[in-house]
Amino acid sequence: MKDLLGFASEEDVKTTLMEDSAETDLVSMFKSEFEAAGIEFSDEEVAEMSNALQGLIDKLDYSAEITDQSKDEPTVLLKVKSYSMDDMQNIMVDVMTDMQNNIDEETAAAIMTGDEDALQKLMQDAVKQYMGKIGGMVPAEEMTELTIKCQRVKVDVSGKEKVAWMPQDLSKFSDEVNNATFK
């Protein structure tokens, strides 16, 4: 991996490029998304869900190899394991089906009369169940291959200037990795 980072260690580059507040930002983003959908969660509950998603990412295996090492535009072959979007959708369907089949009469009646608290609790429970089941997923064994055109960039690592290889188009790279990881 060190070769791919242009002689800077992977940990040094991660530390330099990733903000310490990334986890806090993710929790804030999730909380805002849930609030926009009308579902309220505490910061702690959202952090648990965020941790479940991080657990998915932590289970992924990847490898990278340099396939072309031209002076300014190296090419890297990235191989990554993936999760099935169909499985994720099936989990959602199962959770919603269970919710519908197991709702008690009192809760159903409360929701039918417009009880926002009853609906809120039902939706919170469904989201928590979904996230719990998603957290238990295992990635597929086969790996998806991505060819990534890179550029050499200078980064400040612990006060020293190092050269790292970064994708030429970070947005495209992000989309490709996301599509390869969840397909």
N, C-alpha and C. Protein backbone atom coordinates (compact mmCIF):
# COMPACT_ATOMS: atom_id res chain seq x y z
N MET A 1 0.84 -1.19 0.00
CA MET A 1 0.00 0.00 0.00
C MET A 1 0.88 1.25 0.00
N LYS A 2 2.02 1.16 0.65
CA LYS A 2 2.90 2.33 0.73
C LYS A 2 3.28 2.83 -0.67
N ASP A 3 3.52 1.90 -1.60
CA ASP A 3 3.85 2.30 -2.96
C ASP A 3 2.72 3.11 -3.59
N LEU A 4 1.48 2.72 -3.29
CA LEU A 4 0.34 3.42 -3.87
C LEU A 4 0.20 4.83 -3.31
N LEU A 5 0.74 5.06 -2.14
CA LEU A 5 0.61 6.37 -1.52
C LEU A 5 1.83 7.24 -1.79
N GLY A 6 2.68 6.81 -2.67
CA GLY A 6 3.82 7.63 -3.04
C GLY A 6 4.82 7.77 -1.91
N PHE A 7 5.07 6.70 -1.20
CA PHE A 7 6.07 6.63 -0.14
C PHE A 7 5.67 7.28 1.17
N ALA A 8 4.46 7.76 1.28
CA ALA A 8 3.93 8.19 2.58
C ALA A 8 3.17 7.00 3.13
N SER A 9 3.24 6.78 4.44
CA SER A 9 2.54 5.63 5.00
C SER A 9 1.03 5.83 4.88
N GLU A 10 0.31 4.73 4.80
CA GLU A 10 -1.14 4.79 4.67
C GLU A 10 -1.75 5.54 5.86
N GLU A 11 -1.28 5.24 7.06
CA GLU A 11 -1.83 5.88 8.26
C GLU A 11 -1.56 7.39 8.25
N ASP A 12 -0.36 7.81 7.84
CA ASP A 12 -0.05 9.24 7.77
C ASP A 12 -0.97 9.96 6.79
N VAL A 13 -1.20 9.35 5.64
CA VAL A 13 -2.05 9.99 4.63
C VAL A 13 -3.49 10.04 5.12
N LYS A 14 -3.98 8.94 5.71
CA LYS A 14 -5.35 8.94 6.24
C LYS A 14 -5.52 10.03 7.28
N THR A 15 -4.57 10.13 8.18
CA THR A 15 -4.65 11.13 9.24
C THR A 15 -4.66 12.53 8.67
N THR A 16 -3.86 12.76 7.65
CA THR A 16 -3.78 14.08 7.05
C THR A 16 -5.03 14.43 6.25
N LEU A 17 -5.56 13.46 5.51
CA LEU A 17 -6.67 13.74 4.61
C LEU A 17 -8.04 13.64 5.28
N MET A 18 -8.16 12.86 6.33
CA MET A 18 -9.45 12.68 6.98
C MET A 18 -9.54 13.58 8.20
N GLU A 19 -10.62 14.31 8.29
CA GLU A 19 -10.82 15.20 9.42
C GLU A 19 -11.23 14.40 10.64
N ASP A 20 -10.82 14.86 11.82
CA ASP A 20 -11.22 14.21 13.06
C ASP A 20 -12.72 14.27 13.26
N SER A 21 -13.36 15.26 12.70
CA SER A 21 -14.79 15.45 12.92
C SER A 21 -15.64 14.64 11.95
N ALA A 22 -15.05 13.75 11.18
CA ALA A 22 -15.82 13.00 10.17
C ALA A 22 -16.95 12.21 10.80
N GLU A 23 -16.69 11.55 11.94
CA GLU A 23 -17.74 10.76 12.59
C GLU A 23 -18.85 11.67 13.09
N THR A 24 -18.49 12.79 13.69
CA THR A 24 -19.48 13.75 14.17
C THR A 24 -20.30 14.29 13.01
N ASP A 25 -19.65 14.59 11.90
CA ASP A 25 -20.35 15.08 10.71
C ASP A 25 -21.33 14.04 10.18
N LEU A 26 -20.92 12.76 10.19
CA LEU A 26 -21.79 11.69 9.71
C LEU A 26 -23.02 11.57 10.60
N VAL A 27 -22.84 11.64 11.91
CA VAL A 27 -23.97 11.57 12.84
C VAL A 27 -24.91 12.74 12.59
N SER A 28 -24.36 13.94 12.42
CA SER A 28 -25.19 15.12 12.15
C SER A 28 -25.95 14.97 10.84
N MET A 29 -25.29 14.43 9.82
CA MET A 29 -25.94 14.23 8.53
C MET A 29 -27.10 13.24 8.66
N PHE A 30 -26.85 12.09 9.32
CA PHE A 30 -27.91 11.11 9.52
C PHE A 30 -29.07 11.71 10.29
N LYS A 31 -28.76 12.43 11.35
CA LYS A 31 -29.81 13.01 12.19
C LYS A 31 -30.66 13.97 11.36
N SER A 32 -30.02 14.79 10.55
CA SER A 32 -30.76 15.73 9.69
C SER A 32 -31.64 14.99 8.69
N GLU A 33 -31.11 13.91 8.11
CA GLU A 33 -31.89 13.13 7.14
C GLU A 33 -33.11 12.51 7.81
N PHE A 34 -32.93 11.95 8.99
CA PHE A 34 -34.06 11.36 9.71
C PHE A 34 -35.09 12.43 10.08
N GLU A 35 -34.61 13.57 10.56
CA GLU A 35 -35.53 14.65 10.93
C GLU A 35 -36.32 15.14 9.71
N ALA A 36 -35.65 15.21 8.56
CA ALA A 36 -36.34 15.62 7.33
C ALA A 36 -37.44 14.62 6.96
N ALA A 37 -37.23 13.35 7.33
CA ALA A 37 -38.23 12.32 7.06
C ALA A 37 -39.27 12.24 8.19
N GLY A 38 -39.10 13.08 9.20
CA GLY A 38 -40.07 13.11 10.30
C GLY A 38 -39.81 12.10 11.39
N ILE A 39 -38.61 11.52 11.43
CA ILE A 39 -38.27 10.53 12.45
C ILE A 39 -37.17 11.11 13.33
N GLU A 40 -37.43 11.19 14.62
CA GLU A 40 -36.47 11.78 15.54
C GLU A 40 -35.69 10.70 16.28
N PHE A 41 -34.38 10.88 16.35
CA PHE A 41 -33.50 10.00 17.11
C PHE A 41 -32.56 10.86 17.94
N SER A 42 -32.12 10.32 19.06
CA SER A 42 -31.12 11.01 19.86
C SER A 42 -29.77 10.89 19.16
N ASP A 43 -28.83 11.73 19.55
CA ASP A 43 -27.48 11.64 18.99
C ASP A 43 -26.89 10.25 19.23
N GLU A 44 -27.16 9.68 20.41
CA GLU A 44 -26.62 8.37 20.75
C GLU A 44 -27.20 7.29 19.84
N GLU A 45 -28.50 7.36 19.56
CA GLU A 45 -29.12 6.38 18.67
C GLU A 45 -28.57 6.49 17.26
N VAL A 46 -28.39 7.71 16.79
CA VAL A 46 -27.84 7.91 15.45
C VAL A 46 -26.38 7.45 15.41
N ALA A 47 -25.64 7.68 16.48
CA ALA A 47 -24.25 7.21 16.55
C ALA A 47 -24.20 5.69 16.46
N GLU A 48 -25.13 5.00 17.12
CA GLU A 48 -25.18 3.53 17.03
C GLU A 48 -25.42 3.08 15.59
N MET A 49 -26.33 3.76 14.89
CA MET A 49 -26.61 3.42 13.50
C MET A 49 -25.39 3.71 12.62
N SER A 50 -24.74 4.82 12.89
CA SER A 50 -23.53 5.17 12.16
C SER A 50 -22.46 4.11 12.38
N ASN A 51 -22.35 3.63 13.61
CA ASN A 51 -21.38 2.58 13.92
C ASN A 51 -21.71 1.29 13.18
N ALA A 52 -23.01 0.99 13.01
CA ALA A 52 -23.40 -0.21 12.26
C ALA A 52 -22.94 -0.09 10.81
N LEU A 53 -23.11 1.09 10.22
CA LEU A 53 -22.65 1.30 8.84
C LEU A 53 -21.13 1.25 8.76
N GLN A 54 -20.46 1.82 9.75
CA GLN A 54 -19.00 1.76 9.77
C GLN A 54 -18.55 0.31 9.87
N GLY A 55 -19.31 -0.50 10.63
CA GLY A 55 -19.00 -1.92 10.74
C GLY A 55 -19.07 -2.62 9.39
N LEU A 56 -20.04 -2.22 8.56
CA LEU A 56 -20.12 -2.78 7.21
C LEU A 56 -18.86 -2.46 6.42
N ILE A 57 -18.46 -1.22 6.49
CA ILE A 57 -17.27 -0.79 5.75
C ILE A 57 -16.03 -1.50 6.27
N ASP A 58 -15.96 -1.68 7.59
CA ASP A 58 -14.79 -2.35 8.18
C ASP A 58 -14.67 -3.80 7.73
N LYS A 59 -15.78 -4.43 7.33
CA LYS A 59 -15.76 -5.83 6.88
C LYS A 59 -15.27 -5.97 5.44
N LEU A 60 -15.20 -4.87 4.72
CA LEU A 60 -14.80 -4.94 3.31
C LEU A 60 -13.32 -5.24 3.17
N ASP A 61 -13.01 -6.05 2.19
CA ASP A 61 -11.62 -6.30 1.82
C ASP A 61 -11.36 -5.58 0.51
N TYR A 62 -10.15 -5.11 0.35
CA TYR A 62 -9.78 -4.49 -0.91
C TYR A 62 -8.31 -4.74 -1.15
N SER A 63 -7.94 -4.64 -2.39
CA SER A 63 -6.53 -4.69 -2.75
C SER A 63 -6.32 -3.69 -3.87
N ALA A 64 -5.11 -3.25 -4.00
CA ALA A 64 -4.77 -2.30 -5.05
C ALA A 64 -3.40 -2.65 -5.60
N GLU A 65 -3.29 -2.55 -6.90
CA GLU A 65 -1.99 -2.77 -7.52
C GLU A 65 -1.77 -1.75 -8.62
N ILE A 66 -0.55 -1.34 -8.76
CA ILE A 66 -0.19 -0.38 -9.79
C ILE A 66 -0.11 -1.14 -11.11
N THR A 67 -0.85 -0.68 -12.11
CA THR A 67 -0.81 -1.34 -13.41
C THR A 67 -0.02 -0.53 -14.43
N ASP A 68 0.12 0.76 -14.20
CA ASP A 68 0.91 1.63 -15.08
C ASP A 68 1.50 2.72 -14.20
N GLN A 69 2.81 2.83 -14.23
CA GLN A 69 3.47 3.79 -13.36
C GLN A 69 4.15 4.89 -14.16
N SER A 70 3.38 5.50 -15.08
CA SER A 70 3.95 6.61 -15.84
C SER A 70 4.26 7.75 -14.87
N LYS A 71 5.08 8.67 -15.31
CA LYS A 71 5.61 9.70 -14.42
C LYS A 71 4.54 10.49 -13.67
N ASP A 72 3.56 11.01 -14.38
CA ASP A 72 2.59 11.89 -13.72
C ASP A 72 1.19 11.30 -13.59
N GLU A 73 0.89 10.23 -14.31
CA GLU A 73 -0.45 9.67 -14.28
C GLU A 73 -0.43 8.16 -14.08
N PRO A 74 -0.15 7.71 -12.87
CA PRO A 74 -0.16 6.27 -12.62
C PRO A 74 -1.59 5.73 -12.68
N THR A 75 -1.70 4.45 -13.04
CA THR A 75 -3.00 3.78 -13.07
C THR A 75 -2.97 2.67 -12.03
N VAL A 76 -4.06 2.58 -11.26
CA VAL A 76 -4.15 1.61 -10.19
C VAL A 76 -5.37 0.72 -10.45
N LEU A 77 -5.20 -0.58 -10.24
CA LEU A 77 -6.32 -1.52 -10.30
C LEU A 77 -6.77 -1.76 -8.86
N LEU A 78 -7.97 -1.32 -8.55
CA LEU A 78 -8.54 -1.48 -7.21
C LEU A 78 -9.54 -2.62 -7.27
N LYS A 79 -9.40 -3.57 -6.35
CA LYS A 79 -10.34 -4.67 -6.23
C LYS A 79 -11.02 -4.54 -4.88
N VAL A 80 -12.35 -4.60 -4.87
CA VAL A 80 -13.10 -4.42 -3.63
C VAL A 80 -14.25 -5.43 -3.57
N LYS A 81 -14.51 -5.93 -2.36
CA LYS A 81 -15.67 -6.80 -2.15
C LYS A 81 -16.91 -5.93 -2.04
N SER A 82 -18.07 -6.54 -2.24
CA SER A 82 -19.29 -5.74 -2.26
C SER A 82 -20.41 -6.38 -1.43
N TYR A 83 -21.41 -5.55 -1.15
CA TYR A 83 -22.64 -6.00 -0.52
C TYR A 83 -23.74 -5.97 -1.57
N SER A 84 -24.72 -6.83 -1.40
CA SER A 84 -25.83 -6.92 -2.34
C SER A 84 -26.92 -5.90 -1.99
N MET A 85 -27.21 -5.01 -2.92
CA MET A 85 -28.32 -4.06 -2.73
C MET A 85 -29.64 -4.82 -2.68
N ASP A 86 -29.75 -5.92 -3.42
CA ASP A 86 -30.97 -6.73 -3.36
C ASP A 86 -31.18 -7.27 -1.94
N ASP A 87 -30.09 -7.74 -1.31
CA ASP A 87 -30.19 -8.22 0.06
C ASP A 87 -30.61 -7.10 1.00
N MET A 88 -30.07 -5.91 0.79
CA MET A 88 -30.43 -4.77 1.64
C MET A 88 -31.91 -4.42 1.47
N GLN A 89 -32.38 -4.46 0.24
CA GLN A 89 -33.79 -4.18 -0.02
C GLN A 89 -34.68 -5.27 0.57
N ASN A 90 -34.24 -6.52 0.49
CA ASN A 90 -35.01 -7.62 1.07
C ASN A 90 -35.09 -7.49 2.59
N ILE A 91 -34.02 -7.03 3.21
CA ILE A 91 -34.05 -6.79 4.66
C ILE A 91 -35.10 -5.74 4.98
N MET A 92 -35.14 -4.67 4.20
CA MET A 92 -36.13 -3.61 4.43
C MET A 92 -37.55 -4.16 4.28
N VAL A 93 -37.78 -4.94 3.23
CA VAL A 93 -39.10 -5.53 3.01
C VAL A 93 -39.47 -6.44 4.19
N ASP A 94 -38.52 -7.25 4.64
CA ASP A 94 -38.77 -8.14 5.77
C ASP A 94 -39.11 -7.36 7.04
N VAL A 95 -38.37 -6.30 7.31
CA VAL A 95 -38.63 -5.48 8.50
C VAL A 95 -40.02 -4.86 8.41
N MET A 96 -40.36 -4.30 7.26
CA MET A 96 -41.67 -3.66 7.10
C MET A 96 -42.80 -4.69 7.18
N THR A 97 -42.58 -5.87 6.60
CA THR A 97 -43.59 -6.93 6.67
C THR A 97 -43.79 -7.37 8.12
N ASP A 98 -42.68 -7.59 8.84
CA ASP A 98 -42.77 -7.95 10.26
C ASP A 98 -43.50 -6.88 11.05
N MET A 99 -43.19 -5.63 10.76
CA MET A 99 -43.83 -4.52 11.47
C MET A 99 -45.34 -4.56 11.24
N GLN A 100 -45.74 -4.74 9.99
CA GLN A 100 -47.17 -4.78 9.67
C GLN A 100 -47.87 -5.99 10.29
N ASN A 101 -47.19 -7.13 10.26
CA ASN A 101 -47.80 -8.36 10.78
C ASN A 101 -47.85 -8.39 12.31
N ASN A 102 -46.96 -7.68 12.96
CA ASN A 102 -46.84 -7.78 14.41
C ASN A 102 -47.30 -6.54 15.17
N ILE A 103 -47.88 -5.59 14.48
CA ILE A 103 -48.35 -4.38 15.17
C ILE A 103 -49.55 -4.75 16.05
N ASP A 104 -49.52 -4.28 17.28
CA ASP A 104 -50.64 -4.60 18.17
C ASP A 104 -51.82 -3.68 17.86
N GLU A 105 -53.00 -4.12 18.26
CA GLU A 105 -54.24 -3.37 17.94
C GLU A 105 -54.22 -1.96 18.52
N GLU A 106 -53.69 -1.84 19.71
CA GLU A 106 -53.66 -0.52 20.37
C GLU A 106 -52.81 0.47 19.57
N THR A 107 -51.63 0.02 19.13
CA THR A 107 -50.75 0.89 18.35
C THR A 107 -51.39 1.22 17.00
N ALA A 108 -51.97 0.21 16.35
CA ALA A 108 -52.63 0.43 15.06
C ALA A 108 -53.76 1.44 15.19
N ALA A 109 -54.55 1.30 16.24
CA ALA A 109 -55.67 2.23 16.46
C ALA A 109 -55.14 3.64 16.73
N ALA A 110 -54.08 3.74 17.51
CA ALA A 110 -53.50 5.05 17.81
C ALA A 110 -52.99 5.73 16.54
N ILE A 111 -52.34 4.96 15.69
CA ILE A 111 -51.83 5.52 14.43
C ILE A 111 -52.98 5.94 13.53
N MET A 112 -54.02 5.13 13.48
CA MET A 112 -55.18 5.45 12.63
C MET A 112 -55.89 6.72 13.08
N THR A 113 -55.79 7.04 14.37
CA THR A 113 -56.43 8.27 14.87
C THR A 113 -55.48 9.45 14.84
N GLY A 114 -54.29 9.26 14.24
CA GLY A 114 -53.37 10.38 14.08
C GLY A 114 -52.40 10.60 15.22
N ASP A 115 -52.19 9.59 16.06
CA ASP A 115 -51.25 9.70 17.18
C ASP A 115 -49.81 9.72 16.63
N GLU A 116 -49.23 10.91 16.60
CA GLU A 116 -47.88 11.09 16.05
C GLU A 116 -46.83 10.34 16.87
N ASP A 117 -47.00 10.28 18.19
CA ASP A 117 -46.03 9.59 19.04
C ASP A 117 -46.00 8.09 18.73
N ALA A 118 -47.17 7.51 18.53
CA ALA A 118 -47.24 6.07 18.21
C ALA A 118 -46.57 5.80 16.86
N LEU A 119 -46.83 6.65 15.88
CA LEU A 119 -46.21 6.49 14.56
C LEU A 119 -44.70 6.68 14.66
N GLN A 120 -44.28 7.69 15.42
CA GLN A 120 -42.86 7.96 15.61
C GLN A 120 -42.14 6.74 16.19
N LYS A 121 -42.72 6.14 17.23
CA LYS A 121 -42.11 4.98 17.88
C LYS A 121 -42.05 3.80 16.92
N LEU A 122 -43.11 3.59 16.17
CA LEU A 122 -43.15 2.49 15.20
C LEU A 122 -42.04 2.66 14.16
N MET A 123 -41.89 3.86 13.63
CA MET A 123 -40.87 4.12 12.62
C MET A 123 -39.47 4.02 13.21
N GLN A 124 -39.28 4.52 14.42
CA GLN A 124 -37.98 4.39 15.09
C GLN A 124 -37.60 2.92 15.24
N ASP A 125 -38.55 2.12 15.70
CA ASP A 125 -38.29 0.69 15.87
C ASP A 125 -37.93 0.02 14.55
N ALA A 126 -38.64 0.38 13.48
CA ALA A 126 -38.37 -0.21 12.16
C ALA A 126 -36.97 0.16 11.68
N VAL A 127 -36.60 1.42 11.84
CA VAL A 127 -35.26 1.86 11.40
C VAL A 127 -34.19 1.15 12.22
N LYS A 128 -34.39 1.05 13.53
CA LYS A 128 -33.40 0.37 14.38
C LYS A 128 -33.25 -1.10 14.00
N GLN A 129 -34.38 -1.77 13.73
CA GLN A 129 -34.32 -3.18 13.31
C GLN A 129 -33.57 -3.31 11.99
N TYR A 130 -33.88 -2.43 11.06
CA TYR A 130 -33.22 -2.45 9.75
C TYR A 130 -31.71 -2.28 9.91
N MET A 131 -31.32 -1.27 10.67
CA MET A 131 -29.89 -1.01 10.84
C MET A 131 -29.20 -2.17 11.54
N GLY A 132 -29.87 -2.79 12.51
CA GLY A 132 -29.30 -3.94 13.19
C GLY A 132 -29.06 -5.10 12.24
N LYS A 133 -30.03 -5.35 11.36
CA LYS A 133 -29.90 -6.45 10.40
C LYS A 133 -28.87 -6.13 9.32
N ILE A 134 -28.83 -4.89 8.90
CA ILE A 134 -27.83 -4.47 7.91
C ILE A 134 -26.43 -4.67 8.48
N GLY A 135 -26.27 -4.33 9.76
CA GLY A 135 -24.97 -4.47 10.41
C GLY A 135 -24.46 -5.90 10.43
N GLY A 136 -25.37 -6.88 10.30
CA GLY A 136 -24.97 -8.28 10.31
C GLY A 136 -24.64 -8.84 8.94
N MET A 137 -24.74 -8.02 7.91
CA MET A 137 -24.46 -8.50 6.55
C MET A 137 -22.98 -8.85 6.39
N VAL A 138 -22.74 -9.76 5.44
CA VAL A 138 -21.38 -10.18 5.12
C VAL A 138 -21.15 -9.88 3.64
N PRO A 139 -19.98 -9.31 3.29
CA PRO A 139 -19.73 -9.01 1.87
C PRO A 139 -19.58 -10.28 1.03
N ALA A 140 -19.84 -10.15 -0.25
CA ALA A 140 -19.67 -11.25 -1.20
C ALA A 140 -18.19 -11.63 -1.28
N GLU A 141 -17.94 -12.86 -1.68
CA GLU A 141 -16.55 -13.33 -1.79
C GLU A 141 -15.83 -12.76 -3.02
N GLU A 142 -16.57 -12.62 -4.14
CA GLU A 142 -15.92 -12.13 -5.36
C GLU A 142 -15.60 -10.63 -5.22
N MET A 143 -14.60 -10.23 -5.97
CA MET A 143 -14.16 -8.84 -5.90
C MET A 143 -14.49 -8.14 -7.22
N THR A 144 -14.87 -6.88 -7.10
CA THR A 144 -15.14 -6.04 -8.26
C THR A 144 -13.87 -5.25 -8.56
N GLU A 145 -13.50 -5.17 -9.84
CA GLU A 145 -12.29 -4.46 -10.24
C GLU A 145 -12.62 -3.08 -10.79
N LEU A 146 -11.85 -2.10 -10.35
CA LEU A 146 -11.97 -0.73 -10.84
C LEU A 146 -10.59 -0.27 -11.31
N THR A 147 -10.53 0.34 -12.48
CA THR A 147 -9.28 0.93 -12.97
C THR A 147 -9.33 2.42 -12.67
N ILE A 148 -8.37 2.89 -11.90
CA ILE A 148 -8.38 4.27 -11.43
C ILE A 148 -7.16 5.01 -11.97
N LYS A 149 -7.41 6.07 -12.72
CA LYS A 149 -6.34 6.97 -13.18
C LYS A 149 -6.03 7.92 -12.02
N CYS A 150 -4.76 8.02 -11.69
CA CYS A 150 -4.35 8.84 -10.55
C CYS A 150 -3.46 9.99 -10.99
N GLN A 151 -3.24 10.88 -10.06
CA GLN A 151 -2.28 11.96 -10.25
C GLN A 151 -1.47 12.06 -8.97
N ARG A 152 -0.26 12.53 -9.09
CA ARG A 152 0.58 12.71 -7.91
C ARG A 152 0.31 14.09 -7.34
N VAL A 153 0.08 14.13 -6.04
CA VAL A 153 -0.16 15.40 -5.37
C VAL A 153 0.73 15.47 -4.14
N LYS A 154 1.08 16.69 -3.79
CA LYS A 154 1.88 16.91 -2.59
C LYS A 154 0.94 17.15 -1.42
N VAL A 155 1.18 16.43 -0.32
CA VAL A 155 0.39 16.61 0.89
C VAL A 155 1.33 16.84 2.06
N ASP A 156 0.85 17.61 3.01
CA ASP A 156 1.61 17.86 4.23
C ASP A 156 1.27 16.76 5.21
N VAL A 157 2.25 15.94 5.55
CA VAL A 157 2.07 14.84 6.48
C VAL A 157 2.98 15.09 7.68
N SER A 158 2.36 15.42 8.80
CA SER A 158 3.10 15.67 10.03
C SER A 158 4.20 16.71 9.83
N GLY A 159 3.88 17.75 9.08
CA GLY A 159 4.83 18.83 8.87
C GLY A 159 5.83 18.58 7.76
N LYS A 160 5.76 17.44 7.11
CA LYS A 160 6.68 17.13 6.01
C LYS A 160 5.88 16.98 4.73
N GLU A 161 6.45 17.49 3.65
CA GLU A 161 5.79 17.37 2.36
C GLU A 161 6.06 15.99 1.78
N LYS A 162 4.98 15.28 1.45
CA LYS A 162 5.08 13.94 0.86
C LYS A 162 4.29 13.95 -0.44
N VAL A 163 4.59 12.99 -1.29
CA VAL A 163 3.85 12.83 -2.53
C VAL A 163 2.91 11.64 -2.37
N ALA A 164 1.65 11.85 -2.69
CA ALA A 164 0.66 10.77 -2.64
C ALA A 164 -0.04 10.69 -3.98
N TRP A 165 -0.57 9.54 -4.29
CA TRP A 165 -1.32 9.36 -5.52
C TRP A 165 -2.79 9.48 -5.18
N MET A 166 -3.47 10.36 -5.87
CA MET A 166 -4.89 10.59 -5.65
C MET A 166 -5.62 10.39 -6.98
N PRO A 167 -6.85 9.89 -6.94
CA PRO A 167 -7.63 9.77 -8.18
C PRO A 167 -7.74 11.13 -8.87
N GLN A 168 -7.66 11.12 -10.20
CA GLN A 168 -7.77 12.36 -10.95
C GLN A 168 -9.13 13.01 -10.76
N ASP A 169 -10.16 12.20 -10.71
CA ASP A 169 -11.53 12.71 -10.55
C ASP A 169 -12.10 12.09 -9.27
N LEU A 170 -12.00 12.82 -8.16
CA LEU A 170 -12.43 12.29 -6.87
C LEU A 170 -13.92 11.97 -6.83
N SER A 171 -14.73 12.77 -7.48
CA SER A 171 -16.17 12.53 -7.50
C SER A 171 -16.48 11.22 -8.23
N LYS A 172 -15.88 11.03 -9.39
CA LYS A 172 -16.07 9.81 -10.16
C LYS A 172 -15.55 8.61 -9.38
N PHE A 173 -14.39 8.76 -8.75
CA PHE A 173 -13.81 7.69 -7.94
C PHE A 173 -14.77 7.30 -6.81
N SER A 174 -15.29 8.30 -6.12
CA SER A 174 -16.22 8.05 -5.02
C SER A 174 -17.46 7.30 -5.52
N ASP A 175 -18.01 7.74 -6.64
CA ASP A 175 -19.19 7.08 -7.21
C ASP A 175 -18.88 5.63 -7.60
N GLU A 176 -17.72 5.42 -8.24
CA GLU A 176 -17.35 4.08 -8.68
C GLU A 176 -17.15 3.14 -7.49
N VAL A 177 -16.49 3.63 -6.44
CA VAL A 177 -16.27 2.80 -5.25
C VAL A 177 -17.61 2.50 -4.58
N ASN A 178 -18.47 3.50 -4.48
CA ASN A 178 -19.79 3.29 -3.88
C ASN A 178 -20.59 2.27 -4.68
N ASN A 179 -20.58 2.40 -6.00
CA ASN A 179 -21.33 1.47 -6.85
C ASN A 179 -20.75 0.06 -6.80
N ALA A 180 -19.43 -0.05 -6.64
CA ALA A 180 -18.79 -1.36 -6.55
C ALA A 180 -19.03 -1.99 -5.18
N THR A 181 -19.14 -1.17 -4.16
CA THR A 181 -19.29 -1.66 -2.79
C THR A 181 -20.72 -2.09 -2.49
N PHE A 182 -21.67 -1.35 -3.02
CA PHE A 182 -23.09 -1.66 -2.80
C PHE A 182 -23.75 -1.87 -4.16
N LYS A 183 -23.78 -3.13 -4.62
CA LYS A 183 -24.36 -3.38 -5.95
C LYS A 183 -25.36 -4.50 -5.93
